Amino acid sequence: MWEYTEKVKEHFFSPRNVGQLEDANAVGEVGSLACGDALKLFLKIDPQTDRIIDARFQTFGCGSAIASSSALTEMVKGKTVDEALKITNQDIADYLGGLPSEKMHCSVMGRDAFRAAVACYRGEPAPEEQLEGELVCECFGVTDEQIRSVARENNLTSVEQVTNYTKAGGGCGQCHEKIKEIIAQVRGELRKEKKAPAAAARPMTNIQKIAKIQEVIEKEIRPMLQQDGGDVDLIDVDGNRVLVALRGACVSCPSAGVTLSDAVGAKLKELVHPDLHVEEVSG
């Protein structure tokens, strides 16, 4: 029996935004009843601002599929299309406090449905059409390009993980060797990318550094913290010292130190400069 978080149960028993959206201008559909899971996502997007005004869904599947779909609609509302496109299947799982590994394909389905809806809105080919490739898993209709994409995005290393994320290999098992080959190819590509020498970056001026830090806080860190009622403000930048003040629920949270290092610090090191050091101050 799988262990579900309270948030998964909440979104399963009381799902948000269920049903059709009559004036939707973006619709994405993934999965199939034959495979056991299907999701149809409706979006209403303001064409002037590209901001998502409303989102609804219809789904056929297990509790994790319903919860993931419900969570996705809550996560994308109010964001611009480009902001929402940055949401990964792992972000959906994290929003729900985690999903059983065997149910990660539900979060992947939500991400794919959103990308399909955006392609519809922009008049582009659906993502599955862009990733046609060669059929690998006949039981669940999964191609090599779909497996390669998910394996790369989620750093998958085993057939079992691929099955958890795509269902590929979960039927007769005849495709396991092919899945292993694809995983090996992806792992080899990732190793080559890590070994490739990074181009020498031109040092940023202090003004450029402050502007970049503020941009990352606004676009990457603040939306993530606000999902749980928290927030953060940039107070000052002194060399590589970044002084911030936690706000809202983050102030009294017992995990504030982890938030500071893993959410704020790690993101700034990744997207601005690896030598940055984040410190909390009152302000």
C-alpha atoms as a PDB file:
ATOM      1  CA  MET A   1       0.000   0.000   0.000  1.00  0.00           C
ATOM      2  CA  TRP A   2       1.393   3.403  -0.951  1.00  0.00           C
ATOM      3  CA  GLU A   3       1.844   6.165   1.611  1.00  0.00           C
ATOM      4  CA  TYR A   4       0.218   9.444   0.580  1.00  0.00           C
ATOM      5  CA  THR A   5       0.886  12.838   2.133  1.00  0.00           C
ATOM      6  CA  GLU A   6      -1.910  14.835   3.689  1.00  0.00           C
ATOM      7  CA  LYS A   7      -1.733  17.312   0.822  1.00  0.00           C
ATOM      8  CA  VAL A   8      -2.185  14.539  -1.749  1.00  0.00           C
ATOM      9  CA  LYS A   9      -5.224  13.315   0.177  1.00  0.00           C
ATOM     10  CA  GLU A  10      -6.586  16.868   0.389  1.00  0.00           C
ATOM     11  CA  HIS A  11      -6.334  17.406  -3.371  1.00  0.00           C
ATOM     12  CA  PHE A  12      -7.796  13.952  -4.043  1.00  0.00           C
ATOM     13  CA  PHE A  13     -10.817  14.214  -1.745  1.00  0.00           C
ATOM     14  CA  SER A  14     -11.402  17.931  -2.461  1.00  0.00           C
ATOM     15  CA  PRO A  15      -9.863  18.601  -5.886  1.00  0.00           C
ATOM     16  CA  ARG A  16      -9.708  22.191  -7.094  1.00  0.00           C
ATOM     17  CA  ASN A  17     -10.846  23.463 -10.492  1.00  0.00           C
ATOM     18  CA  VAL A  18     -12.626  20.332 -11.733  1.00  0.00           C
ATOM     19  CA  GLY A  19     -14.636  20.420 -14.957  1.00  0.00           C
ATOM     20  CA  GLN A  20     -14.642  22.022 -18.372  1.00  0.00           C
ATOM     21  CA  LEU A  21     -13.827  25.674 -19.019  1.00  0.00           C
ATOM     22  CA  GLU A  22     -16.251  26.874 -21.650  1.00  0.00           C
ATOM     23  CA  ASP A  23     -14.243  29.933 -22.744  1.00  0.00           C
ATOM     24  CA  ALA A  24     -10.845  28.193 -22.653  1.00  0.00           C
ATOM     25  CA  ASN A  25      -8.436  29.278 -25.380  1.00  0.00           C
ATOM     26  CA  ALA A  26      -5.896  26.520 -24.637  1.00  0.00           C
ATOM     27  CA  VAL A  27      -6.672  22.822 -24.259  1.00  0.00           C
ATOM     28  CA  GLY A  28      -4.184  19.999 -23.709  1.00  0.00           C
ATOM     29  CA  GLU A  29      -4.982  16.304 -23.608  1.00  0.00           C
ATOM     30  CA  VAL A  30      -2.606  13.454 -22.697  1.00  0.00           C
ATOM     31  CA  GLY A  31      -2.842   9.781 -21.790  1.00  0.00           C
ATOM     32  CA  SER A  32      -5.616   7.401 -22.746  1.00  0.00           C
ATOM     33  CA  LEU A  33      -8.310   5.356 -21.043  1.00  0.00           C
ATOM     34  CA  ALA A  34      -6.645   2.215 -22.419  1.00  0.00           C
ATOM     35  CA  CYS A  35      -3.485   3.024 -20.440  1.00  0.00           C
ATOM     36  CA  GLY A  36      -5.426   3.736 -17.260  1.00  0.00           C
ATOM     37  CA  ASP A  37      -4.753   7.482 -16.970  1.00  0.00           C
ATOM     38  CA  ALA A  38      -6.018  10.395 -19.048  1.00  0.00           C
ATOM     39  CA  LEU A  39      -6.013  14.143 -18.433  1.00  0.00           C
ATOM     40  CA  LYS A  40      -7.647  17.028 -20.259  1.00  0.00           C
ATOM     41  CA  LEU A  41      -6.512  20.486 -19.194  1.00  0.00           C
ATOM     42  CA  PHE A  42      -8.358  23.727 -19.990  1.00  0.00           C
ATOM     43  CA  LEU A  43      -6.701  27.151 -19.717  1.00  0.00           C
ATOM     44  CA  LYS A  44      -8.005  30.671 -20.168  1.00  0.00           C
ATOM     45  CA  ILE A  45      -5.073  32.898 -21.079  1.00  0.00           C
ATOM     46  CA  ASP A  46      -5.153  36.679 -21.442  1.00  0.00           C
ATOM     47  CA  PRO A  47      -3.732  37.231 -24.965  1.00  0.00           C
ATOM     48  CA  GLN A  48      -2.580  40.732 -24.024  1.00  0.00           C
ATOM     49  CA  THR A  49      -0.408  39.687 -21.078  1.00  0.00           C
ATOM     50  CA  ASP A  50      -0.016  35.917 -21.618  1.00  0.00           C
ATOM     51  CA  ARG A  51      -1.190  35.509 -18.009  1.00  0.00           C
ATOM     52  CA  ILE A  52      -3.231  32.440 -17.077  1.00  0.00           C
ATOM     53  CA  ILE A  53      -6.570  33.674 -15.746  1.00  0.00           C
ATOM     54  CA  ASP A  54      -8.206  30.327 -15.052  1.00  0.00           C
ATOM     55  CA  ALA A  55      -7.493  26.596 -15.271  1.00  0.00           C
ATOM     56  CA  ARG A  56      -9.730  23.541 -15.070  1.00  0.00           C
ATOM     57  CA  PHE A  57      -9.244  19.831 -15.609  1.00  0.00           C
ATOM     58  CA  GLN A  58     -10.974  16.546 -16.271  1.00  0.00           C
ATOM     59  CA  THR A  59      -9.084  13.378 -15.444  1.00  0.00           C
ATOM     60  CA  PHE A  60      -9.505   9.638 -15.394  1.00  0.00           C
ATOM     61  CA  GLY A  61      -7.111   7.832 -13.113  1.00  0.00           C
ATOM     62  CA  CYS A  62      -5.981   7.114  -9.585  1.00  0.00           C
ATOM     63  CA  GLY A  63      -5.879   9.425  -6.567  1.00  0.00           C
ATOM     64  CA  SER A  64      -2.393  10.643  -7.491  1.00  0.00           C
ATOM     65  CA  ALA A  65      -3.570  11.582 -10.989  1.00  0.00           C
ATOM     66  CA  ILE A  66      -6.459  13.601  -9.566  1.00  0.00           C
ATOM     67  CA  ALA A  67      -4.273  15.255  -6.918  1.00  0.00           C
ATOM     68  CA  SER A  68      -1.521  16.095  -9.436  1.00  0.00           C
ATOM     69  CA  SER A  69      -4.043  17.615 -11.848  1.00  0.00           C
ATOM     70  CA  SER A  70      -5.641  19.649  -9.059  1.00  0.00           C
ATOM     71  CA  ALA A  71      -2.249  20.873  -7.846  1.00  0.00           C
ATOM     72  CA  LEU A  72      -1.170  21.837 -11.362  1.00  0.00           C
ATOM     73  CA  THR A  73      -4.217  24.058 -11.910  1.00  0.00           C
ATOM     74  CA  GLU A  74      -3.512  25.851  -8.636  1.00  0.00           C
ATOM     75  CA  MET A  75       0.171  26.287  -9.485  1.00  0.00           C
ATOM     76  CA  VAL A  76      -0.325  27.815 -12.948  1.00  0.00           C
ATOM     77  CA  LYS A  77      -3.157  30.258 -12.212  1.00  0.00           C
ATOM     78  CA  GLY A  78      -1.902  33.834 -12.074  1.00  0.00           C
ATOM     79  CA  LYS A  79       1.398  33.038 -13.771  1.00  0.00           C
ATOM     80  CA  THR A  80       2.407  34.017 -17.282  1.00  0.00           C
ATOM     81  CA  VAL A  81       2.717  31.188 -19.776  1.00  0.00           C
ATOM     82  CA  ASP A  82       6.524  31.400 -19.727  1.00  0.00           C
ATOM     83  CA  GLU A  83       6.595  31.353 -15.920  1.00  0.00           C
ATOM     84  CA  ALA A  84       4.300  28.326 -15.787  1.00  0.00           C
ATOM     85  CA  LEU A  85       6.342  26.480 -18.425  1.00  0.00           C
ATOM     86  CA  LYS A  86       9.196  26.366 -15.914  1.00  0.00           C
ATOM     87  CA  ILE A  87       7.115  24.132 -13.645  1.00  0.00           C
ATOM     88  CA  THR A  88       8.510  20.587 -13.794  1.00  0.00           C
ATOM     89  CA  ASN A  89       6.870  17.327 -12.845  1.00  0.00           C
ATOM     90  CA  GLN A  90       9.090  17.332  -9.738  1.00  0.00           C
ATOM     91  CA  ASP A  91       7.696  20.749  -8.793  1.00  0.00           C
ATOM     92  CA  ILE A  92       4.190  19.279  -8.934  1.00  0.00           C
ATOM     93  CA  ALA A  93       5.239  16.372  -6.720  1.00  0.00           C
ATOM     94  CA  ASP A  94       6.964  18.749  -4.286  1.00  0.00           C
ATOM     95  CA  TYR A  95       3.849  20.948  -4.119  1.00  0.00           C
ATOM     96  CA  LEU A  96       1.956  17.885  -2.916  1.00  0.00           C
ATOM     97  CA  GLY A  97       4.600  17.048  -0.327  1.00  0.00           C
ATOM     98  CA  GLY A  98       5.891  14.200  -2.477  1.00  0.00           C
ATOM     99  CA  LEU A  99       4.420  11.299  -4.438  1.00  0.00           C
ATOM    100  CA  PRO A 100       5.176   7.571  -4.173  1.00  0.00           C
ATOM    101  CA  SER A 101       7.878   6.732  -6.710  1.00  0.00           C
ATOM    102  CA  GLU A 102       5.444   4.391  -8.483  1.00  0.00           C
ATOM    103  CA  LYS A 103       3.086   7.325  -9.038  1.00  0.00           C
ATOM    104  CA  MET A 104       5.514   9.885 -10.494  1.00  0.00           C
ATOM    105  CA  HIS A 105       4.003   9.323 -13.951  1.00  0.00           C
ATOM    106  CA  CYS A 106       0.968  11.262 -12.683  1.00  0.00           C
ATOM    107  CA  SER A 107       3.047  14.420 -12.230  1.00  0.00           C
ATOM    108  CA  VAL A 108       4.658  13.852 -15.647  1.00  0.00           C
ATOM    109  CA  MET A 109       1.175  13.601 -17.162  1.00  0.00           C
ATOM    110  CA  GLY A 110       0.247  16.970 -15.619  1.00  0.00           C
ATOM    111  CA  ARG A 111       3.369  18.644 -16.969  1.00  0.00           C
ATOM    112  CA  ASP A 112       2.796  17.149 -20.425  1.00  0.00           C
ATOM    113  CA  ALA A 113      -0.852  18.255 -20.447  1.00  0.00           C
ATOM    114  CA  PHE A 114       0.179  21.823 -19.670  1.00  0.00           C
ATOM    115  CA  ARG A 115       2.788  21.854 -22.432  1.00  0.00           C
ATOM    116  CA  ALA A 116       0.202  20.458 -24.840  1.00  0.00           C
ATOM    117  CA  ALA A 117      -2.242  23.224 -23.848  1.00  0.00           C
ATOM    118  CA  VAL A 118       0.407  25.900 -24.411  1.00  0.00           C
ATOM    119  CA  ALA A 119       1.228  24.412 -27.826  1.00  0.00           C
ATOM    120  CA  CYS A 120      -2.503  24.612 -28.650  1.00  0.00           C
ATOM    121  CA  TYR A 121      -2.588  28.266 -27.540  1.00  0.00           C
ATOM    122  CA  ARG A 122       0.476  29.146 -29.613  1.00  0.00           C
ATOM    123  CA  GLY A 123      -0.613  27.173 -32.673  1.00  0.00           C
ATOM    124  CA  GLU A 124       2.378  24.830 -32.414  1.00  0.00           C
ATOM    125  CA  PRO A 125       2.557  21.032 -32.794  1.00  0.00           C
ATOM    126  CA  ALA A 126       1.694  19.148 -29.607  1.00  0.00           C
ATOM    127  CA  PRO A 127       4.765  18.020 -27.621  1.00  0.00           C
ATOM    128  CA  GLU A 128       4.032  14.340 -28.312  1.00  0.00           C
ATOM    129  CA  GLU A 129       4.139  15.131 -32.023  1.00  0.00           C
ATOM    130  CA  GLN A 130       7.530  16.776 -31.559  1.00  0.00           C
ATOM    131  CA  LEU A 131       8.758  13.661 -29.697  1.00  0.00           C
ATOM    132  CA  GLU A 132       7.333  11.028 -32.019  1.00  0.00           C
ATOM    133  CA  GLY A 133      10.399   8.800 -32.249  1.00  0.00           C
ATOM    134  CA  GLU A 134      10.364   5.005 -32.357  1.00  0.00           C
ATOM    135  CA  LEU A 135       7.768   3.052 -30.375  1.00  0.00           C
ATOM    136  CA  VAL A 136       9.542   1.245 -27.545  1.00  0.00           C
ATOM    137  CA  CYS A 137       6.765   0.154 -25.180  1.00  0.00           C
ATOM    138  CA  GLU A 138       3.833  -1.257 -27.158  1.00  0.00           C
ATOM    139  CA  CYS A 139       1.831  -1.941 -23.975  1.00  0.00           C
ATOM    140  CA  PHE A 140       1.609   1.769 -23.083  1.00  0.00           C
ATOM    141  CA  GLY A 141       2.511   3.439 -26.382  1.00  0.00           C
ATOM    142  CA  VAL A 142       5.736   5.132 -25.187  1.00  0.00           C
ATOM    143  CA  THR A 143       8.450   6.151 -27.671  1.00  0.00           C
ATOM    144  CA  ASP A 144      12.219   6.327 -27.301  1.00  0.00           C
ATOM    145  CA  GLU A 145      12.126  10.141 -27.450  1.00  0.00           C
ATOM    146  CA  GLN A 146       9.567  10.323 -24.625  1.00  0.00           C
ATOM    147  CA  ILE A 147      11.723   8.035 -22.476  1.00  0.00           C
ATOM    148  CA  ARG A 148      14.857  10.010 -23.344  1.00  0.00           C
ATOM    149  CA  SER A 149      13.199  13.319 -22.439  1.00  0.00           C
ATOM    150  CA  VAL A 150      11.907  12.133 -19.053  1.00  0.00           C
ATOM    151  CA  ALA A 151      15.129  10.278 -18.209  1.00  0.00           C
ATOM    152  CA  ARG A 152      17.196  13.391 -18.907  1.00  0.00           C
ATOM    153  CA  GLU A 153      14.902  15.799 -17.069  1.00  0.00           C
ATOM    154  CA  ASN A 154      14.620  13.616 -13.955  1.00  0.00           C
ATOM    155  CA  ASN A 155      18.098  12.021 -13.994  1.00  0.00           C
ATOM    156  CA  LEU A 156      16.686   8.491 -14.191  1.00  0.00           C
ATOM    157  CA  THR A 157      19.123   5.579 -13.990  1.00  0.00           C
ATOM    158  CA  SER A 158      17.049   2.364 -14.034  1.00  0.00           C
ATOM    159  CA  VAL A 159      14.233   0.645 -15.912  1.00  0.00           C
ATOM    160  CA  GLU A 160      12.146   0.712 -12.731  1.00  0.00           C
ATOM    161  CA  GLN A 161      12.428   4.497 -12.533  1.00  0.00           C
ATOM    162  CA  VAL A 162      11.473   4.873 -16.200  1.00  0.00           C
ATOM    163  CA  THR A 163       8.411   2.710 -15.540  1.00  0.00           C
ATOM    164  CA  ASN A 164       7.475   4.874 -12.547  1.00  0.00           C
ATOM    165  CA  TYR A 165       7.692   8.044 -14.631  1.00  0.00           C
ATOM    166  CA  THR A 166       6.262   6.857 -17.973  1.00  0.00           C
ATOM    167  CA  LYS A 167       4.723   3.366 -17.418  1.00  0.00           C
ATOM    168  CA  ALA A 168       7.069   2.112 -20.164  1.00  0.00           C
ATOM    169  CA  GLY A 169       8.212  -1.398 -19.268  1.00  0.00           C
ATOM    170  CA  GLY A 170       5.361  -1.952 -16.860  1.00  0.00           C
ATOM    171  CA  GLY A 171       3.533  -4.475 -19.041  1.00  0.00           C
ATOM    172  CA  CYS A 172       5.032  -7.481 -20.784  1.00  0.00           C
ATOM    173  CA  GLY A 173       8.619  -6.401 -20.088  1.00  0.00           C
ATOM    174  CA  GLN A 174       9.912  -7.088 -23.599  1.00  0.00           C
ATOM    175  CA  CYS A 175      11.131  -3.492 -23.935  1.00  0.00           C
ATOM    176  CA  HIS A 176      13.397  -3.561 -20.865  1.00  0.00           C
ATOM    177  CA  GLU A 177      16.619  -4.038 -22.849  1.00  0.00           C
ATOM    178  CA  LYS A 178      15.751  -1.151 -25.174  1.00  0.00           C
ATOM    179  CA  ILE A 179      14.981   1.067 -22.167  1.00  0.00           C
ATOM    180  CA  LYS A 180      18.393   0.161 -20.678  1.00  0.00           C
ATOM    181  CA  GLU A 181      20.062   1.219 -23.936  1.00  0.00           C
ATOM    182  CA  ILE A 182      18.267   4.579 -23.902  1.00  0.00           C
ATOM    183  CA  ILE A 183      19.229   5.181 -20.262  1.00  0.00           C
ATOM    184  CA  ALA A 184      22.883   4.393 -21.083  1.00  0.00           C
ATOM    185  CA  GLN A 185      22.790   6.854 -23.990  1.00  0.00           C
ATOM    186  CA  VAL A 186      21.315   9.608 -21.823  1.00  0.00           C
ATOM    187  CA  ARG A 187      23.808   8.964 -19.014  1.00  0.00           C
ATOM    188  CA  GLY A 188      26.660   9.143 -21.519  1.00  0.00           C
ATOM    189  CA  GLU A 189      25.374  12.438 -22.926  1.00  0.00           C
ATOM    190  CA  LEU A 190      25.076  13.915 -19.437  1.00  0.00           C
ATOM    191  CA  ARG A 191      28.627  12.835 -18.534  1.00  0.00           C
ATOM    192  CA  LYS A 192      29.976  14.494 -21.684  1.00  0.00           C
ATOM    193  CA  GLU A 193      28.129  17.710 -20.871  1.00  0.00           C
ATOM    194  CA  LYS A 194      29.604  17.769 -17.364  1.00  0.00           C
ATOM    195  CA  LYS A 195      33.119  17.263 -18.717  1.00  0.00           C
ATOM    196  CA  ALA A 196      32.770  19.951 -21.392  1.00  0.00           C
ATOM    197  CA  PRO A 197      34.767  23.024 -20.343  1.00  0.00           C
ATOM    198  CA  ALA A 198      32.535  25.933 -19.488  1.00  0.00           C
ATOM    199  CA  ALA A 199      33.081  29.086 -21.483  1.00  0.00           C
ATOM    200  CA  ALA A 200      34.850  31.758 -19.498  1.00  0.00           C
ATOM    201  CA  ALA A 201      32.226  34.186 -18.279  1.00  0.00           C
ATOM    202  CA  ARG A 202      32.916  37.885 -18.181  1.00  0.00           C
ATOM    203  CA  PRO A 203      32.931  39.068 -14.535  1.00  0.00           C
ATOM    204  CA  MET A 204      29.779  40.933 -13.547  1.00  0.00           C
ATOM    205  CA  THR A 205      29.920  44.418 -12.158  1.00  0.00           C
ATOM    206  CA  ASN A 206      28.396  44.868  -8.701  1.00  0.00           C
ATOM    207  CA  ILE A 207      25.363  46.605 -10.255  1.00  0.00           C
ATOM    208  CA  GLN A 208      24.887  43.711 -12.672  1.00  0.00           C
ATOM    209  CA  LYS A 209      25.234  41.217  -9.823  1.00  0.00           C
ATOM    210  CA  ILE A 210      22.599  42.976  -7.688  1.00  0.00           C
ATOM    211  CA  ALA A 211      20.220  43.202 -10.646  1.00  0.00           C
ATOM    212  CA  LYS A 212      20.667  39.494 -11.420  1.00  0.00           C
ATOM    213  CA  ILE A 213      20.142  38.501  -7.781  1.00  0.00           C
ATOM    214  CA  GLN A 214      16.954  40.569  -7.619  1.00  0.00           C
ATOM    215  CA  GLU A 215      15.723  39.011 -10.861  1.00  0.00           C
ATOM    216  CA  VAL A 216      16.284  35.453  -9.585  1.00  0.00           C
ATOM    217  CA  ILE A 217      14.528  36.253  -6.314  1.00  0.00           C
ATOM    218  CA  GLU A 218      11.531  37.736  -8.148  1.00  0.00           C
ATOM    219  CA  LYS A 219      11.167  35.041 -10.812  1.00  0.00           C
ATOM    220  CA  GLU A 220      12.445  31.853  -9.157  1.00  0.00           C
ATOM    221  CA  ILE A 221      12.588  32.081  -5.362  1.00  0.00           C
ATOM    222  CA  ARG A 222       9.671  34.289  -4.309  1.00  0.00           C
ATOM    223  CA  PRO A 223       6.952  32.326  -6.204  1.00  0.00           C
ATOM    224  CA  MET A 224       8.254  29.093  -4.665  1.00  0.00           C
ATOM    225  CA  LEU A 225       8.135  30.495  -1.098  1.00  0.00           C
ATOM    226  CA  GLN A 226       4.764  32.173  -1.596  1.00  0.00           C
ATOM    227  CA  GLN A 227       3.175  28.815  -2.374  1.00  0.00           C
ATOM    228  CA  ASP A 228       3.511  28.022   1.345  1.00  0.00           C
ATOM    229  CA  GLY A 229       2.782  31.524   2.648  1.00  0.00           C
ATOM    230  CA  GLY A 230       6.390  32.682   2.898  1.00  0.00           C
ATOM    231  CA  ASP A 231       8.444  35.357   1.184  1.00  0.00           C
ATOM    232  CA  VAL A 232      11.915  36.910   1.076  1.00  0.00           C
ATOM    233  CA  ASP A 233      13.314  40.409   0.496  1.00  0.00           C
ATOM    234  CA  LEU A 234      16.781  41.375  -0.714  1.00  0.00           C
ATOM    235  CA  ILE A 235      18.304  43.777   1.835  1.00  0.00           C
ATOM    236  CA  ASP A 236      21.856  44.306   0.574  1.00  0.00           C
ATOM    237  CA  VAL A 237      24.736  42.790  -1.386  1.00  0.00           C
ATOM    238  CA  ASP A 238      28.262  43.108   0.014  1.00  0.00           C
ATOM    239  CA  GLY A 239      30.732  41.475  -2.354  1.00  0.00           C
ATOM    240  CA  ASN A 240      29.596  37.854  -2.444  1.00  0.00           C
ATOM    241  CA  ARG A 241      27.515  38.219   0.737  1.00  0.00           C
ATOM    242  CA  VAL A 242      23.791  38.385  -0.026  1.00  0.00           C
ATOM    243  CA  LEU A 243      21.771  39.762   2.880  1.00  0.00           C
ATOM    244  CA  VAL A 244      18.086  38.822   2.878  1.00  0.00           C
ATOM    245  CA  ALA A 245      15.122  38.989   5.244  1.00  0.00           C
ATOM    246  CA  LEU A 246      12.603  36.151   5.400  1.00  0.00           C
ATOM    247  CA  ARG A 247       8.946  37.176   5.499  1.00  0.00           C
ATOM    248  CA  GLY A 248       5.537  35.644   6.171  1.00  0.00           C
ATOM    249  CA  ALA A 249       5.397  31.996   7.212  1.00  0.00           C
ATOM    250  CA  CYS A 250       9.161  31.637   6.712  1.00  0.00           C
ATOM    251  CA  VAL A 251       9.842  33.805   9.777  1.00  0.00           C
ATOM    252  CA  SER A 252       8.406  31.326  12.277  1.00  0.00           C
ATOM    253  CA  CYS A 253       9.095  28.159  10.301  1.00  0.00           C
ATOM    254  CA  PRO A 254      11.414  25.692  12.090  1.00  0.00           C
ATOM    255  CA  SER A 255      12.960  24.877   8.715  1.00  0.00           C
ATOM    256  CA  ALA A 256      13.893  28.487   7.968  1.00  0.00           C
ATOM    257  CA  GLY A 257      17.592  27.630   7.961  1.00  0.00           C
ATOM    258  CA  VAL A 258      17.050  24.904   5.379  1.00  0.00           C
ATOM    259  CA  THR A 259      14.941  27.290   3.291  1.00  0.00           C
ATOM    260  CA  LEU A 260      17.728  29.849   3.415  1.00  0.00           C
ATOM    261  CA  SER A 261      20.427  27.415   2.275  1.00  0.00           C
ATOM    262  CA  ASP A 262      18.546  24.986   0.029  1.00  0.00           C
ATOM    263  CA  ALA A 263      15.949  27.277  -1.545  1.00  0.00           C
ATOM    264  CA  VAL A 264      17.479  30.755  -1.548  1.00  0.00           C
ATOM    265  CA  GLY A 265      21.218  30.091  -1.409  1.00  0.00           C
ATOM    266  CA  ALA A 266      21.307  27.117  -3.771  1.00  0.00           C
ATOM    267  CA  LYS A 267      19.210  28.880  -6.413  1.00  0.00           C
ATOM    268  CA  LEU A 268      21.355  32.036  -6.324  1.00  0.00           C
ATOM    269  CA  LYS A 269      24.552  29.983  -6.580  1.00  0.00           C
ATOM    270  CA  GLU A 270      23.109  28.070  -9.531  1.00  0.00           C
ATOM    271  CA  LEU A 271      21.758  31.031 -11.480  1.00  0.00           C
ATOM    272  CA  VAL A 272      23.991  33.958 -10.453  1.00  0.00           C
ATOM    273  CA  HIS A 273      27.404  32.897  -9.098  1.00  0.00           C
ATOM    274  CA  PRO A 274      28.697  29.801  -7.226  1.00  0.00           C
ATOM    275  CA  ASP A 275      30.613  31.938  -4.691  1.00  0.00           C
ATOM    276  CA  LEU A 276      27.568  33.749  -3.310  1.00  0.00           C
ATOM    277  CA  HIS A 277      26.837  33.319   0.399  1.00  0.00           C
ATOM    278  CA  VAL A 278      23.356  34.080   1.724  1.00  0.00           C
ATOM    279  CA  GLU A 279      22.838  35.491   5.222  1.00  0.00           C
ATOM    280  CA  GLU A 280      19.604  36.307   7.018  1.00  0.00           C
ATOM    281  CA  VAL A 281      19.245  39.736   8.617  1.00  0.00           C
ATOM    282  CA  SER A 282      16.383  41.579  10.247  1.00  0.00           C
ATOM    283  CA  GLY A 283      14.910  44.292   8.127  1.00  0.00           C
END
